[in-house]
Amino acid sequence: MAEAQEMLMEENLIPEFRDYYLKFNSEEEAQSILFSKVPLTVDESDPENVVVTEWAKDESGEDSLRPNFANIATVGQIYRETGEMIRLAEEGVAEEDQLEVPAMAPIDGWHVNVRVLAHEDPSVLEAYKTNPDPITPKQVFA
């Protein structure tokens, strides 16, 4: 199978990567899908039931995490214009000379972009894909 996939990639029939624009309910949900805890020690006394006995920790004592995909770009909270304008009040500046900027409101969700390489399995991401893909993404891979 791997040889056939490599041949198709060489012939440009399978793209080397695909970008996924994802929306999760929270940062924690995104982290649970995109990252895995790092096992430090395991009990292999029963080869058919290997059990992690200790997880690696970072400097702060939290579980160390490793990415499940090579290319993950966290966008986070996204904001969009509401259609209203607000004045940025500055001391000593006349009201008519104060800068007006668009009012912004958050869009629901925690947003992450993942560039999935040909050898990576994207099936876990399908439930979180934005539909349709954004026309003008807030962030893209270079």
Protein backbone atom coordinates (compact mmCIF):
# COMPACT_ATOMS: atom_id res chain seq x y z
CA MET A 1 0.00 0.00 0.00
CA ALA A 2 2.75 2.47 0.94
CA GLU A 3 4.57 1.85 -2.34
CA ALA A 4 1.40 2.50 -4.34
CA GLN A 5 0.75 5.72 -2.43
CA GLU A 6 4.35 6.88 -3.02
CA MET A 7 3.97 6.18 -6.76
CA LEU A 8 0.72 8.17 -6.91
CA MET A 9 2.37 11.05 -5.04
CA GLU A 10 5.30 11.05 -7.47
CA GLU A 11 2.82 11.27 -10.34
CA ASN A 12 1.04 14.14 -8.52
CA LEU A 13 -2.19 12.15 -8.28
CA ILE A 14 -2.29 12.43 -4.47
CA PRO A 15 -1.45 15.79 -2.91
CA GLU A 16 1.45 15.83 -0.45
CA PHE A 17 -0.76 17.62 2.08
CA ARG A 18 -4.26 18.95 2.76
CA ASP A 19 -5.15 21.94 4.90
CA TYR A 20 -7.97 21.53 7.43
CA TYR A 21 -9.74 24.54 8.97
CA LEU A 22 -11.14 23.32 12.27
CA LYS A 23 -13.58 24.66 14.84
CA PHE A 24 -13.74 23.17 18.33
CA ASN A 25 -16.05 24.08 21.21
CA SER A 26 -13.07 25.02 23.40
CA GLU A 27 -9.28 25.12 23.57
CA GLU A 28 -9.40 22.05 25.82
CA GLU A 29 -11.38 20.07 23.24
CA ALA A 30 -8.87 21.03 20.52
CA GLN A 31 -5.99 19.98 22.73
CA SER A 32 -7.59 16.60 23.48
CA ILE A 33 -7.87 15.82 19.74
CA LEU A 34 -4.64 17.35 18.45
CA PHE A 35 -2.22 16.31 21.20
CA SER A 36 -1.42 13.15 23.19
CA LYS A 37 0.10 12.64 26.61
CA VAL A 38 3.67 11.30 26.59
CA PRO A 39 4.14 7.96 28.37
CA LEU A 40 7.22 7.82 30.61
CA THR A 41 7.08 4.25 31.91
CA VAL A 42 4.96 1.25 31.02
CA ASP A 43 4.20 -2.15 32.52
CA GLU A 44 4.80 -4.79 29.87
CA SER A 45 4.42 -7.81 32.16
CA ASP A 46 1.41 -8.81 30.05
CA PRO A 47 2.50 -8.23 26.41
CA GLU A 48 -1.12 -8.23 25.25
CA ASN A 49 -2.10 -5.55 27.76
CA VAL A 50 0.67 -2.95 28.03
CA VAL A 51 -0.25 -0.34 30.66
CA VAL A 52 1.19 3.14 31.08
CA THR A 53 2.29 3.47 34.70
CA GLU A 54 3.64 7.03 34.56
CA TRP A 55 3.17 10.01 32.24
CA ALA A 56 5.93 12.53 31.45
CA LYS A 57 5.51 15.96 33.08
CA ASP A 58 6.68 19.42 31.98
CA GLU A 59 8.46 21.99 34.19
CA SER A 60 5.18 23.10 35.77
CA GLY A 61 4.15 19.55 36.66
CA GLU A 62 1.49 19.32 33.93
CA ASP A 63 1.34 16.34 31.56
CA SER A 64 3.77 16.69 28.65
CA LEU A 65 1.96 16.66 25.33
CA ARG A 66 3.12 15.80 21.85
CA PRO A 67 1.35 16.84 18.66
CA ASN A 68 -0.59 14.20 16.72
CA PHE A 69 0.12 16.08 13.47
CA ALA A 70 3.32 17.67 12.20
CA ASN A 71 1.72 21.03 11.34
CA ILE A 72 -0.71 22.60 13.81
CA ALA A 73 -1.43 26.34 13.82
CA THR A 74 -3.66 27.62 16.61
CA VAL A 75 -5.79 30.56 15.50
CA GLY A 76 -7.81 30.65 18.72
CA GLN A 77 -10.76 33.00 19.13
CA ILE A 78 -11.81 34.79 15.92
CA TYR A 79 -13.59 38.15 15.87
CA ARG A 80 -15.70 39.79 13.17
CA GLU A 81 -16.98 43.30 12.65
CA THR A 82 -20.47 44.02 13.99
CA GLY A 83 -21.19 46.86 11.57
CA GLU A 84 -21.02 49.46 14.34
CA MET A 85 -18.20 51.96 14.85
CA ILE A 86 -16.71 53.00 18.19
CA ARG A 87 -14.57 56.03 19.03
CA LEU A 88 -11.26 55.58 20.79
CA ALA A 89 -11.32 58.34 23.37
CA GLU A 90 -8.02 60.14 23.84
CA GLU A 91 -7.39 62.74 26.50
CA GLY A 92 -6.93 66.17 25.00
CA VAL A 93 -8.30 65.19 21.57
CA ALA A 94 -11.56 66.71 20.37
CA GLU A 95 -14.33 64.13 19.93
CA GLU A 96 -14.60 64.76 16.19
CA ASP A 97 -10.84 64.08 15.84
CA GLN A 98 -10.87 60.80 17.77
CA LEU A 99 -10.15 57.64 15.82
CA GLU A 100 -13.17 55.50 14.89
CA VAL A 101 -12.73 51.74 14.61
CA PRO A 102 -15.14 48.90 13.85
CA ALA A 103 -16.74 47.20 16.87
CA MET A 104 -15.81 43.52 16.99
CA ALA A 105 -17.65 40.47 18.36
CA PRO A 106 -16.30 36.94 18.91
CA ILE A 107 -17.28 34.06 16.65
CA ASP A 108 -18.18 30.89 18.56
CA GLY A 109 -15.51 28.24 18.90
CA TRP A 110 -11.75 27.72 19.16
CA HIS A 111 -10.15 27.68 15.73
CA VAL A 112 -7.12 25.66 14.61
CA ASN A 113 -5.59 24.98 11.20
CA VAL A 114 -3.89 21.65 10.55
CA ARG A 115 -1.84 20.81 7.47
CA VAL A 116 -2.22 17.04 7.20
CA LEU A 117 0.65 15.32 5.42
CA ALA A 118 0.06 12.35 3.10
CA HIS A 119 1.24 9.82 5.71
CA GLU A 120 -1.01 11.22 8.48
CA ASP A 121 -4.56 9.97 9.13
CA PRO A 122 -7.01 12.92 9.19
CA SER A 123 -10.12 10.90 10.10
CA VAL A 124 -10.22 12.25 13.69
CA LEU A 125 -10.45 15.80 12.26
CA GLU A 126 -13.51 15.27 10.04
CA ALA A 127 -16.03 16.07 12.80
CA TYR A 128 -14.38 19.47 13.42
CA LYS A 129 -13.96 20.72 9.85
CA THR A 130 -15.57 24.05 9.07
CA ASN A 131 -18.19 23.65 6.38
CA PRO A 132 -17.56 25.11 3.95
CA ASP A 133 -13.85 25.93 4.16
CA PRO A 134 -13.39 29.66 4.79
CA ILE A 135 -13.12 31.79 1.66
CA THR A 136 -10.65 34.13 3.37
CA PRO A 137 -9.06 32.26 6.28
CA LYS A 138 -7.76 34.38 9.18
CA GLN A 139 -4.49 32.46 9.03
CA VAL A 140 -2.89 30.21 6.40
CA PHE A 141 0.26 28.13 6.09
CA ALA A 142 3.04 29.77 4.06
